[in-house]
Each structure stands twice: as structure tokens, then as C-alpha cells.
Amino acid sequence: MANASSAPLLPLKSAPSSSSSSQKNYARDELYSFRACLRWMCVDHSSGARSAGSWAVFFLLAVAAPSGVHVALPGSAPPRPFEGMVQVSLTLAATLAYLSLHGLTRRGLRRMLYLDRLRRDSEDVREGYTVQLSRSFRLLSCFVVPCSLADAAYKAYWYGAAKPFHSPWWSAVACAVEVASWVYRTAVFFMVCILFRIICYLQILRMAGFTHEFSTFADVATVLKHHCRIKIHLRIISHRYRRFILWCLLLVTASQFAALLATTRPHAQINLATAGELALCSISLVAGLLVCLHSAAKITHKTQAITSVAAEWHADATIHAFGNDLENPDTELPPATGYLAPANAYRVAAGDESDYDDDDDDSESDDSLHESKLLHSQTNKSCFVKRQALVTYLENNRAGITVYGFVVDRTWLHALFMIEFSLVMWLLGKTVGIS
């Protein structure tokens, strides 16, 4: 048992041949790259010193840097009417994500990623989850890099055209500080969104294995036990991320409405130079929110679709139960599903009864055959009741990602997508001319 508990949960990566202890640790640590990326992002809370350093970097880049640049800009600089709204929205989003990430990593990285529970899953689930973990930071860069490059181009354009400082070096320093603050805040925000997507992907892999159990004619008790286990996992995920999803939804919606009111006020100067960063901030926040909502709606849809799979399995099992021959039964069908009745289990011809009344031996044979049919009929009825109870249970226990009791399904996703998309498109139409 000791060797089993210390065995790696994910396939180990091959490390270069060397005698150094660091490379040996790399070969043993299946989450080395994940931990390294967390350290590079300065959100590592594995120890007290690193946690203090992470908090210091957060206050420096998320709070002090944008506030300091805003105060340092001279009064003669060209006005940026939406700068305060952009900085407040990004800082609040980064604060929400950082607090959520701090609460998640406090339990440990392995518990946060559900690696301790991964030993009970199949090899396909573990391999698929390994691939998703290895692609997590690549997916994070797909969101952060385009937003960061666009903001860097906008800041370089503004500082180059406005020239708020007399020295170009001070302008370059202010531009670099603002870009670094932007990259840090958007990276922290998208990090939590990607983590939630990874956890939901793990549940989708488990649901695929759960669906496969129906095709192998598994026992009803095994299916019910597996479904209860998935419900517990979804309840834990919902409890851990519900505050982030709810506050993220409120924050993004409030920021969109505030931006809409600010851009539609009379005599507002709306152009790419003054409101380009506002549009970029809105796109980033809405993209992160939609990643969370899409992941939650997808796993909810997969979980609720199990009901149709179970109903199809129940119908198939019932049909084959009456079509299986008792004298030549199909050995590949387990008895637990009720594939035991002969094709004529419930059909006895009326004319055959009079032939058996004249002979005592034939009467005894008929009695034994009747008892055998009755026994298998009762077995089929018991299995039918079990399968019907399972289908009824699944119909009345629709699991999924919930936010304080409200199931996040496709109805949620469609409604919120249309609201946020309409607000963003309105804002883009006012700033960059997209309608």
C-alpha cells in the first residue's frame, strides 16, 4: 500500500540524463511545469515566504502600479476619460481571481487539481487529463498574449503621440509599468477561468467513461454508485467556484453597463485613442466570463444527457430480455441485467394444455417447465424494476454545476451570452466603429 500511495498519478515526463538532484526531482514531480508557471506568475502559496512574495507582487502590480502612473502623469497630458473605469474594472477582476486562487491553492495543488481522486479512474481518463494539464498554460497564453500585445500597442501609441513627460525615458518607464500591470491582472483573471475549465474537462472525461458502462451492460448498483460519485464531485466543484462565477458575472455586467453609460453621455469624446483601452478591457472580461459559463454549461449538459442514455439502455435490455433463448442463451450478457427469459417465456399455446392432461409424465414435465418459466419471469421482472428505478432516479436528480442552487445550463449560457455580447458590440460600435 505504501508503494501505491507514493506512485505518480500522471505519467512522468522523461528528464535529460544528468546526475544533478534538480533533474531527479524534475523526473519525480509530475506537476513541475505547473508549479513553475505558478511561480513565474507570482501566485505561488506553497510556503509562507512565497505567499508573502505573491501578495507583495499583487499589491505592487495590481494596485500600486496603475495608481502611481495615474498620479505621476502631469496635468498637461492629454485626457484619458475612461482610464479610471478601465483600471478599477481590471483591478477588481484581478482581486477576485487572486482571492479565489489563494483559497484554492491553500488546500494544496494536488487537491486543487483533483489528483488524489484520480487513482480510481480509468487509464483513458488519466491520460486525457494529463494532456489537458499540459495544454493549460498554452491555452492561457492564447488569451493573455493577444490582449497584452494589443494593450502594449495602444500604450506605445498613446505615449508616443501624447508625450506626457519631457523625457522619453520617463514615458518609456510609465508605458512599461502600465503594460506589466495589465499583463499581470489579465493573466491572474484568465488563470482561474482556465483552472475551472480544466476541472470541468476532467468531469467530462469521467462522464464519457460512465456512459461506456451502459454499453457494457453494467450492474444497476454499479451505475448508481458511479453516478452518486459524480454528483459529489460536481457538488464540490460548484462549492469551490460558485463565489467566483457569481461575482465575476456581477462585476463584468456592471462594468459593461458602466461603460455603456459613460460612452453614451452627451459630449463624450469617443474614438480609438480615448476609448480603445476600454473596449479591450471589456473584451477581456467578457471572454473570461464566457469561458467559465461555457465549461459549466457543457458539463451540466453532459451530465443531464445521461438520462437519455440510461433510457436507451433500459429499452435495449428489456427487448433483449424477451428475445434471448433460454436453451441457447447468450453468454456475453450478464445475468444481472435480466437477459434470462426464453423467447416464449410468456406465450403458452392453449391447445398444448389438453395434450398434457392425458399423461402423468408429461404433466410433471409441464410442471417443471412452468416453474422454470416462472422463476426466470420473476428474475426478469426484478431486473426490469431495478432498471426502471434507475431511469426514474436519473430523471429526478439532474446533476450539474450549480451557483447557489441555480443550475448553470445552456439556457443560462444563451441568455447571458446575448446580454454580454450585445453590450460589447454596442461598446465596440461606439469606439472602433464595429456594429
Protein backbone atom coordinates (compact mmCIF):
# COMPACT_ATOMS: atom_id res chain seq x y z
CA MET A 1 0.00 0.00 0.00
CA ALA A 2 2.88 2.36 0.63
CA ASN A 3 4.17 1.95 -2.89
CA ALA A 4 0.70 2.51 -4.31
CA SER A 5 0.20 5.72 -2.37
CA SER A 6 3.54 7.13 -3.45
CA ALA A 7 3.14 6.20 -7.10
CA PRO A 8 2.70 9.12 -9.50
CA LEU A 9 -0.84 9.90 -10.57
CA LEU A 10 0.16 11.12 -14.03
CA PRO A 11 2.69 9.72 -16.49
CA LEU A 12 6.15 11.02 -15.75
CA LYS A 13 8.00 13.10 -18.31
CA SER A 14 11.40 11.91 -19.36
CA ALA A 15 14.08 14.15 -17.94
CA PRO A 16 17.52 14.65 -19.55
CA SER A 17 20.24 12.29 -18.36
CA SER A 18 22.17 14.02 -15.60
CA SER A 19 23.30 13.32 -12.06
CA SER A 20 22.07 16.60 -10.62
CA SER A 21 19.46 16.39 -7.89
CA SER A 22 17.30 19.07 -9.54
CA GLN A 23 16.76 16.92 -12.63
CA LYS A 24 15.96 13.90 -10.47
CA ASN A 25 13.35 15.93 -8.65
CA TYR A 26 12.02 17.03 -12.02
CA ALA A 27 11.58 13.43 -13.08
CA ARG A 28 9.75 12.60 -9.86
CA ASP A 29 7.50 15.64 -9.78
CA GLU A 30 4.63 15.21 -12.23
CA LEU A 31 3.49 18.83 -11.65
CA TYR A 32 6.86 20.50 -12.06
CA SER A 33 5.87 22.64 -15.05
CA PHE A 34 2.57 23.59 -13.41
CA ARG A 35 4.31 24.72 -10.23
CA ALA A 36 6.95 26.57 -12.24
CA CYS A 37 4.31 28.53 -14.14
CA LEU A 38 2.58 29.47 -10.90
CA ARG A 39 5.89 30.78 -9.56
CA TRP A 40 6.55 32.77 -12.72
CA MET A 41 3.10 34.30 -12.39
CA CYS A 42 3.84 35.09 -8.73
CA VAL A 43 0.75 33.30 -7.43
CA ASP A 44 2.51 30.51 -5.57
CA HIS A 45 1.26 29.96 -1.99
CA SER A 46 3.04 26.70 -1.24
CA SER A 47 5.04 28.25 1.61
CA GLY A 48 4.87 31.27 3.87
CA ALA A 49 7.72 33.14 2.16
CA ARG A 50 6.35 32.56 -1.34
CA SER A 51 2.86 33.52 -0.23
CA ALA A 52 4.17 36.81 1.20
CA GLY A 53 6.08 37.48 -2.02
CA SER A 54 2.95 36.73 -4.07
CA TRP A 55 0.89 39.19 -2.02
CA ALA A 56 3.61 41.84 -2.39
CA VAL A 57 3.70 41.41 -6.18
CA PHE A 58 -0.08 41.56 -6.32
CA PHE A 59 -0.29 44.86 -4.43
CA LEU A 60 2.61 46.26 -6.47
CA LEU A 61 1.30 45.40 -9.95
CA ALA A 62 -2.47 45.37 -9.38
CA VAL A 63 -2.83 48.40 -7.10
CA ALA A 64 0.32 50.48 -6.75
CA ALA A 65 1.46 50.48 -10.40
CA PRO A 66 -1.71 51.84 -12.06
CA SER A 67 -2.31 54.27 -9.19
CA GLY A 68 1.28 55.52 -9.28
CA VAL A 69 1.27 56.12 -13.03
CA HIS A 70 -2.05 57.95 -12.79
CA VAL A 71 -0.69 60.24 -10.09
CA ALA A 72 2.65 60.77 -11.85
CA LEU A 73 1.09 61.90 -15.12
CA PRO A 74 1.31 65.68 -15.41
CA GLY A 75 -1.80 67.76 -15.75
CA SER A 76 -0.80 68.88 -19.24
CA ALA A 77 -1.11 65.31 -20.54
CA PRO A 78 -3.98 64.61 -22.95
CA PRO A 79 -7.07 63.42 -21.07
CA ARG A 80 -7.99 59.77 -20.87
CA PRO A 81 -11.63 59.96 -19.77
CA PHE A 82 -12.14 56.22 -19.37
CA GLU A 83 -8.82 55.37 -17.74
CA GLY A 84 -10.24 55.22 -14.21
CA MET A 85 -13.05 52.89 -15.25
CA VAL A 86 -10.62 50.55 -17.01
CA GLN A 87 -8.20 50.40 -14.08
CA VAL A 88 -10.95 49.84 -11.49
CA SER A 89 -12.55 47.05 -13.55
CA LEU A 90 -9.26 45.24 -14.13
CA THR A 91 -8.13 45.63 -10.52
CA LEU A 92 -11.43 44.31 -9.15
CA ALA A 93 -11.36 41.36 -11.56
CA ALA A 94 -7.75 40.57 -10.64
CA THR A 95 -8.55 40.86 -6.92
CA LEU A 96 -11.49 38.48 -7.25
CA ALA A 97 -9.40 35.98 -9.20
CA TYR A 98 -6.43 36.26 -6.84
CA LEU A 99 -8.54 35.68 -3.73
CA SER A 100 -10.20 32.69 -5.39
CA LEU A 101 -6.82 31.29 -6.44
CA HIS A 102 -5.45 31.81 -2.95
CA GLY A 103 -8.36 29.85 -1.47
CA LEU A 104 -7.91 27.03 -3.98
CA THR A 105 -4.14 26.64 -3.64
CA ARG A 106 -4.34 26.78 0.15
CA ARG A 107 -5.57 23.16 0.13
CA GLY A 108 -2.62 22.08 -1.96
CA LEU A 109 -2.04 21.84 -5.68
CA ARG A 110 -2.87 18.14 -5.89
CA ARG A 111 -6.21 18.59 -4.14
CA MET A 112 -6.99 21.66 -6.23
CA LEU A 113 -6.50 19.65 -9.43
CA TYR A 114 -8.23 16.54 -8.00
CA LEU A 115 -5.16 14.38 -8.50
CA ASP A 116 -5.73 12.50 -5.24
CA ARG A 117 -9.10 11.28 -6.58
CA LEU A 118 -7.67 10.34 -9.96
CA ARG A 119 -6.41 6.92 -8.85
CA ARG A 120 -9.93 5.46 -9.05
CA ASP A 121 -10.40 6.50 -12.66
CA SER A 122 -9.55 4.56 -15.78
CA GLU A 123 -6.38 4.93 -17.79
CA ASP A 124 -8.20 6.84 -20.54
CA VAL A 125 -9.40 9.45 -18.05
CA ARG A 126 -5.92 9.87 -16.58
CA GLU A 127 -4.25 10.20 -19.97
CA GLY A 128 -6.82 12.69 -21.22
CA TYR A 129 -6.47 14.75 -18.06
CA THR A 130 -2.69 14.68 -18.40
CA VAL A 131 -2.91 16.10 -21.92
CA GLN A 132 -5.30 18.82 -20.74
CA LEU A 133 -2.99 19.79 -17.88
CA SER A 134 -0.02 20.04 -20.23
CA ARG A 135 -2.04 22.32 -22.52
CA SER A 136 -3.42 24.53 -19.74
CA PHE A 137 -0.77 27.25 -19.82
CA ARG A 138 -0.63 27.12 -23.61
CA LEU A 139 -4.35 27.87 -23.61
CA LEU A 140 -3.76 30.61 -21.04
CA SER A 141 -1.21 32.23 -23.33
CA CYS A 142 -3.75 32.16 -26.18
CA PHE A 143 -5.93 34.52 -24.15
CA VAL A 144 -3.28 36.65 -22.46
CA VAL A 145 -0.82 37.23 -25.31
CA PRO A 146 -3.24 38.82 -27.83
CA CYS A 147 -4.74 41.10 -25.17
CA SER A 148 -1.30 42.07 -23.90
CA LEU A 149 0.06 42.81 -27.37
CA ALA A 150 -2.97 44.93 -28.20
CA ASP A 151 -2.65 46.87 -24.95
CA ALA A 152 1.11 47.32 -25.47
CA ALA A 153 0.48 48.69 -28.94
CA TYR A 154 -2.17 51.07 -27.62
CA LYS A 155 0.04 52.30 -24.76
CA ALA A 156 3.02 52.77 -27.07
CA TYR A 157 0.85 54.73 -29.49
CA TRP A 158 -0.58 56.93 -26.72
CA TYR A 159 2.74 57.69 -25.02
CA GLY A 160 4.42 58.25 -28.39
CA ALA A 161 1.72 60.64 -29.60
CA ALA A 162 0.86 62.42 -26.33
CA LYS A 163 4.41 62.67 -24.89
CA PRO A 164 3.18 63.43 -21.35
CA PHE A 165 6.74 63.64 -19.93
CA HIS A 166 9.54 65.85 -21.12
CA SER A 167 11.96 62.93 -21.10
CA PRO A 168 11.19 60.00 -23.40
CA TRP A 169 12.76 57.68 -20.85
CA TRP A 170 10.11 58.51 -18.27
CA SER A 171 7.45 57.88 -20.89
CA ALA A 172 9.00 54.51 -21.68
CA VAL A 173 9.12 53.59 -17.96
CA ALA A 174 5.48 54.61 -17.42
CA CYS A 175 4.42 52.67 -20.52
CA ALA A 176 6.31 49.55 -19.38
CA VAL A 177 4.79 49.75 -15.89
CA GLU A 178 1.27 50.05 -17.25
CA VAL A 179 1.76 47.17 -19.69
CA ALA A 180 3.22 44.96 -16.94
CA SER A 181 0.27 45.76 -14.69
CA TRP A 182 -2.16 44.96 -17.50
CA VAL A 183 -0.46 41.62 -18.29
CA TYR A 184 -0.39 40.58 -14.64
CA ARG A 185 -4.04 41.38 -13.94
CA THR A 186 -5.40 39.75 -17.08
CA ALA A 187 -3.18 36.67 -16.55
CA VAL A 188 -4.45 36.17 -12.99
CA PHE A 189 -8.04 36.59 -14.10
CA PHE A 190 -7.74 34.15 -17.00
CA MET A 191 -5.80 31.72 -14.82
CA VAL A 192 -8.80 30.99 -12.62
CA CYS A 193 -11.04 30.68 -15.68
CA ILE A 194 -8.68 28.13 -17.26
CA LEU A 195 -8.43 26.18 -14.00
CA PHE A 196 -12.19 25.91 -13.85
CA ARG A 197 -12.23 24.74 -17.46
CA ILE A 198 -9.64 22.04 -16.68
CA ILE A 199 -11.67 20.70 -13.75
CA CYS A 200 -14.82 20.62 -15.87
CA TYR A 201 -12.92 18.75 -18.59
CA LEU A 202 -11.98 16.09 -16.05
CA GLN A 203 -15.65 15.58 -15.24
CA ILE A 204 -16.45 15.30 -18.95
CA LEU A 205 -13.89 12.52 -19.26
CA ARG A 206 -15.49 10.76 -16.31
CA MET A 207 -18.92 11.14 -17.87
CA ALA A 208 -17.60 9.51 -21.06
CA GLY A 209 -16.44 6.53 -19.01
CA PHE A 210 -19.74 6.48 -17.18
CA THR A 211 -21.63 6.35 -20.49
CA HIS A 212 -19.44 3.45 -21.60
CA GLU A 213 -20.69 1.43 -18.64
CA PHE A 214 -24.17 1.34 -20.13
CA SER A 215 -22.84 -0.14 -23.38
CA THR A 216 -21.16 -2.94 -21.41
CA PHE A 217 -24.43 -3.84 -19.61
CA ALA A 218 -23.13 -2.97 -16.16
CA ASP A 219 -24.99 -3.76 -12.98
CA VAL A 220 -27.60 -1.24 -11.85
CA ALA A 221 -25.98 -0.86 -8.44
CA THR A 222 -22.60 -0.11 -10.07
CA VAL A 223 -24.12 2.54 -12.31
CA LEU A 224 -25.95 4.15 -9.40
CA LYS A 225 -22.80 4.19 -7.28
CA HIS A 226 -20.81 5.81 -10.10
CA HIS A 227 -23.48 8.45 -10.65
CA CYS A 228 -23.56 9.32 -6.95
CA ARG A 229 -19.79 9.73 -7.03
CA ILE A 230 -20.03 12.12 -9.99
CA LYS A 231 -22.73 14.12 -8.18
CA ILE A 232 -20.45 14.51 -5.17
CA HIS A 233 -17.60 15.75 -7.38
CA LEU A 234 -19.86 18.27 -9.11
CA ARG A 235 -21.14 19.49 -5.76
CA ILE A 236 -17.58 20.06 -4.55
CA ILE A 237 -16.63 21.92 -7.74
CA SER A 238 -19.74 24.08 -7.51
CA HIS A 239 -18.99 24.91 -3.88
CA ARG A 240 -15.40 25.92 -4.66
CA TYR A 241 -16.11 28.09 -7.71
CA ARG A 242 -19.61 29.44 -7.12
CA ARG A 243 -18.43 32.68 -5.49
CA PHE A 244 -16.01 33.38 -8.31
CA ILE A 245 -18.61 32.71 -11.02
CA LEU A 246 -21.28 34.80 -9.32
CA TRP A 247 -19.07 37.80 -8.51
CA CYS A 248 -17.43 37.60 -11.94
CA LEU A 249 -20.85 37.73 -13.56
CA LEU A 250 -21.89 40.72 -11.46
CA LEU A 251 -18.59 42.53 -12.00
CA VAL A 252 -18.48 42.04 -15.76
CA THR A 253 -22.12 43.02 -16.23
CA ALA A 254 -21.74 46.09 -14.03
CA SER A 255 -18.60 47.16 -15.88
CA GLN A 256 -20.35 46.74 -19.24
CA PHE A 257 -23.30 48.86 -18.16
CA ALA A 258 -21.00 51.50 -16.69
CA ALA A 259 -19.00 51.64 -19.93
CA LEU A 260 -22.23 51.89 -21.92
CA LEU A 261 -23.49 54.80 -19.80
CA ALA A 262 -20.12 56.55 -19.99
CA THR A 263 -19.88 56.30 -23.77
CA THR A 264 -23.46 57.44 -24.39
CA ARG A 265 -23.38 60.56 -22.24
CA PRO A 266 -23.63 63.93 -24.02
CA HIS A 267 -20.42 65.50 -25.36
CA ALA A 268 -18.40 62.33 -24.71
CA GLN A 269 -15.23 62.12 -26.81
CA ILE A 270 -15.39 58.61 -28.25
CA ASN A 271 -12.63 57.45 -30.56
CA LEU A 272 -9.96 54.80 -30.69
CA ALA A 273 -7.40 56.97 -28.92
CA THR A 274 -9.60 57.75 -25.91
CA ALA A 275 -11.74 54.60 -25.59
CA GLY A 276 -9.68 51.87 -27.25
CA GLU A 277 -8.44 50.51 -23.92
CA LEU A 278 -12.00 50.46 -22.58
CA ALA A 279 -13.10 48.23 -25.44
CA LEU A 280 -10.10 45.95 -24.93
CA CYS A 281 -10.84 45.66 -21.21
CA SER A 282 -14.48 44.76 -21.92
CA ILE A 283 -13.50 42.07 -24.42
CA SER A 284 -11.05 40.51 -21.95
CA LEU A 285 -13.52 40.37 -19.06
CA VAL A 286 -16.36 39.03 -21.19
CA ALA A 287 -14.07 36.36 -22.70
CA GLY A 288 -13.07 35.11 -19.25
CA LEU A 289 -16.68 35.01 -18.08
CA LEU A 290 -17.80 33.09 -21.16
CA VAL A 291 -15.03 30.52 -20.66
CA CYS A 292 -16.43 29.75 -17.19
CA LEU A 293 -20.06 29.72 -18.29
CA HIS A 294 -19.36 27.55 -21.34
CA SER A 295 -17.43 25.00 -19.27
CA ALA A 296 -20.14 24.84 -16.61
CA ALA A 297 -22.94 24.54 -19.19
CA LYS A 298 -21.07 21.84 -21.08
CA ILE A 299 -20.56 19.57 -18.07
CA THR A 300 -24.16 20.17 -16.99
CA HIS A 301 -25.39 19.17 -20.44
CA LYS A 302 -23.20 16.03 -20.44
CA THR A 303 -24.45 15.05 -17.00
CA GLN A 304 -28.11 15.54 -17.81
CA ALA A 305 -27.73 13.68 -21.11
CA ILE A 306 -27.06 10.51 -19.08
CA THR A 307 -30.82 10.21 -18.61
CA SER A 308 -31.40 9.58 -22.32
CA VAL A 309 -28.51 7.09 -22.38
CA ALA A 310 -29.98 5.23 -19.42
CA ALA A 311 -33.44 5.15 -21.01
CA GLU A 312 -31.99 3.72 -24.23
CA TRP A 313 -30.05 1.12 -22.23
CA HIS A 314 -33.22 0.20 -20.32
CA ALA A 315 -35.22 -0.25 -23.50
CA ASP A 316 -32.48 -2.32 -25.13
CA ALA A 317 -32.15 -4.53 -22.06
CA THR A 318 -35.91 -5.09 -21.88
CA ILE A 319 -36.18 -6.02 -25.55
CA HIS A 320 -33.28 -8.46 -25.40
CA ALA A 321 -34.60 -10.00 -22.20
CA PHE A 322 -37.59 -11.34 -24.13
CA GLY A 323 -35.59 -12.21 -27.20
CA ASN A 324 -32.90 -14.30 -25.50
CA ASP A 325 -33.29 -18.09 -25.84
CA LEU A 326 -33.20 -19.98 -22.53
CA GLU A 327 -31.93 -23.20 -24.11
CA ASN A 328 -29.15 -21.38 -26.00
CA PRO A 329 -28.55 -18.17 -24.01
CA ASP A 330 -26.06 -15.51 -24.97
CA THR A 331 -23.14 -15.96 -22.59
CA GLU A 332 -21.88 -12.43 -23.19
CA LEU A 333 -24.92 -10.94 -21.46
CA PRO A 334 -24.58 -10.90 -17.66
CA PRO A 335 -27.44 -12.26 -15.54
CA ALA A 336 -27.69 -9.01 -13.58
CA THR A 337 -29.37 -7.26 -16.48
CA GLY A 338 -32.12 -9.86 -16.80
CA TYR A 339 -31.26 -11.48 -20.13
CA LEU A 340 -32.57 -14.86 -18.96
CA ALA A 341 -36.06 -15.29 -20.37
CA PRO A 342 -36.67 -17.50 -23.43
CA ALA A 343 -38.40 -16.11 -26.46
CA ASN A 344 -41.70 -17.87 -25.47
CA ALA A 345 -41.46 -17.14 -21.72
CA TYR A 346 -44.92 -15.58 -21.59
CA ARG A 347 -46.53 -17.39 -24.52
CA VAL A 348 -48.15 -20.82 -23.89
CA ALA A 349 -50.45 -22.13 -26.58
CA ALA A 350 -53.98 -23.02 -25.39
CA GLY A 351 -54.12 -26.21 -27.49
CA ASP A 352 -51.00 -27.66 -25.86
CA GLU A 353 -52.60 -27.88 -22.43
CA SER A 354 -55.12 -30.60 -23.42
CA ASP A 355 -52.36 -32.86 -24.77
CA TYR A 356 -50.54 -32.85 -21.43
CA ASP A 357 -53.61 -33.78 -19.35
CA ASP A 358 -53.66 -37.42 -20.64
CA ASP A 359 -50.14 -38.37 -19.47
CA ASP A 360 -48.78 -38.08 -15.90
CA ASP A 361 -45.15 -37.90 -17.03
CA ASP A 362 -45.96 -35.14 -19.43
CA SER A 363 -47.81 -33.39 -16.60
CA GLU A 364 -44.74 -33.50 -14.34
CA SER A 365 -42.58 -32.24 -17.18
CA ASP A 366 -45.04 -29.44 -17.78
CA ASP A 367 -44.96 -28.50 -14.07
CA SER A 368 -41.16 -28.31 -14.02
CA LEU A 369 -41.15 -26.25 -17.21
CA HIS A 370 -43.79 -23.94 -15.76
CA GLU A 371 -41.74 -23.46 -12.57
CA SER A 372 -38.64 -22.71 -14.65
CA LYS A 373 -40.52 -20.15 -16.69
CA LEU A 374 -41.97 -18.60 -13.56
CA LEU A 375 -38.53 -18.34 -11.95
CA HIS A 376 -36.99 -16.63 -14.96
CA SER A 377 -40.05 -14.43 -15.30
CA GLN A 378 -39.56 -13.22 -11.74
CA THR A 379 -35.86 -12.60 -12.41
CA ASN A 380 -36.66 -10.52 -15.48
CA LYS A 381 -39.29 -8.58 -13.59
CA SER A 382 -36.85 -7.81 -10.77
CA CYS A 383 -34.18 -6.58 -13.21
CA PHE A 384 -36.79 -4.54 -15.06
CA VAL A 385 -37.86 -2.84 -11.84
CA LYS A 386 -34.23 -2.05 -10.98
CA ARG A 387 -33.55 -0.50 -14.37
CA GLN A 388 -36.80 1.46 -14.27
CA ALA A 389 -35.91 2.75 -10.80
CA LEU A 390 -32.51 3.86 -12.11
CA VAL A 391 -34.06 5.75 -15.03
CA THR A 392 -36.57 7.41 -12.69
CA TYR A 393 -33.77 8.37 -10.33
CA LEU A 394 -31.77 9.98 -13.13
CA GLU A 395 -34.82 11.86 -14.40
CA ASN A 396 -35.45 13.41 -10.98
CA ASN A 397 -31.79 14.02 -9.98
CA ARG A 398 -30.34 16.19 -12.72
CA ALA A 399 -26.82 16.94 -11.58
CA GLY A 400 -24.60 19.73 -12.88
CA ILE A 401 -22.66 22.83 -11.93
CA THR A 402 -24.79 24.98 -9.64
CA VAL A 403 -24.41 28.53 -8.33
CA TYR A 404 -26.22 28.73 -5.02
CA GLY A 405 -28.85 26.24 -6.16
CA PHE A 406 -29.26 27.51 -9.73
CA VAL A 407 -28.07 25.02 -12.36
CA VAL A 408 -25.77 26.59 -14.95
CA ASP A 409 -27.08 25.03 -18.15
CA ARG A 410 -27.37 26.09 -21.78
CA THR A 411 -30.33 28.33 -21.02
CA TRP A 412 -28.11 30.34 -18.69
CA LEU A 413 -25.33 30.39 -21.26
CA HIS A 414 -27.54 31.57 -24.13
CA ALA A 415 -29.22 34.30 -22.08
CA LEU A 416 -26.02 35.68 -20.55
CA PHE A 417 -24.14 35.41 -23.83
CA MET A 418 -26.72 37.53 -25.61
CA ILE A 419 -26.68 40.15 -22.85
CA GLU A 420 -22.89 40.44 -22.65
CA PHE A 421 -22.44 40.19 -26.42
CA SER A 422 -24.96 42.96 -27.02
CA LEU A 423 -23.20 45.23 -24.54
CA VAL A 424 -19.78 44.54 -26.03
CA MET A 425 -20.95 45.08 -29.59
CA TRP A 426 -22.61 48.35 -28.59
CA LEU A 427 -19.37 49.46 -26.97
CA LEU A 428 -17.30 48.43 -29.99
CA GLY A 429 -19.68 50.32 -32.23
CA LYS A 430 -19.13 53.47 -30.18
CA THR A 431 -15.33 53.12 -30.01
CA VAL A 432 -13.88 51.42 -33.07
CA GLY A 433 -16.89 51.56 -35.37
CA ILE A 434 -17.90 47.87 -35.28
CA SER A 435 -21.68 47.43 -35.43
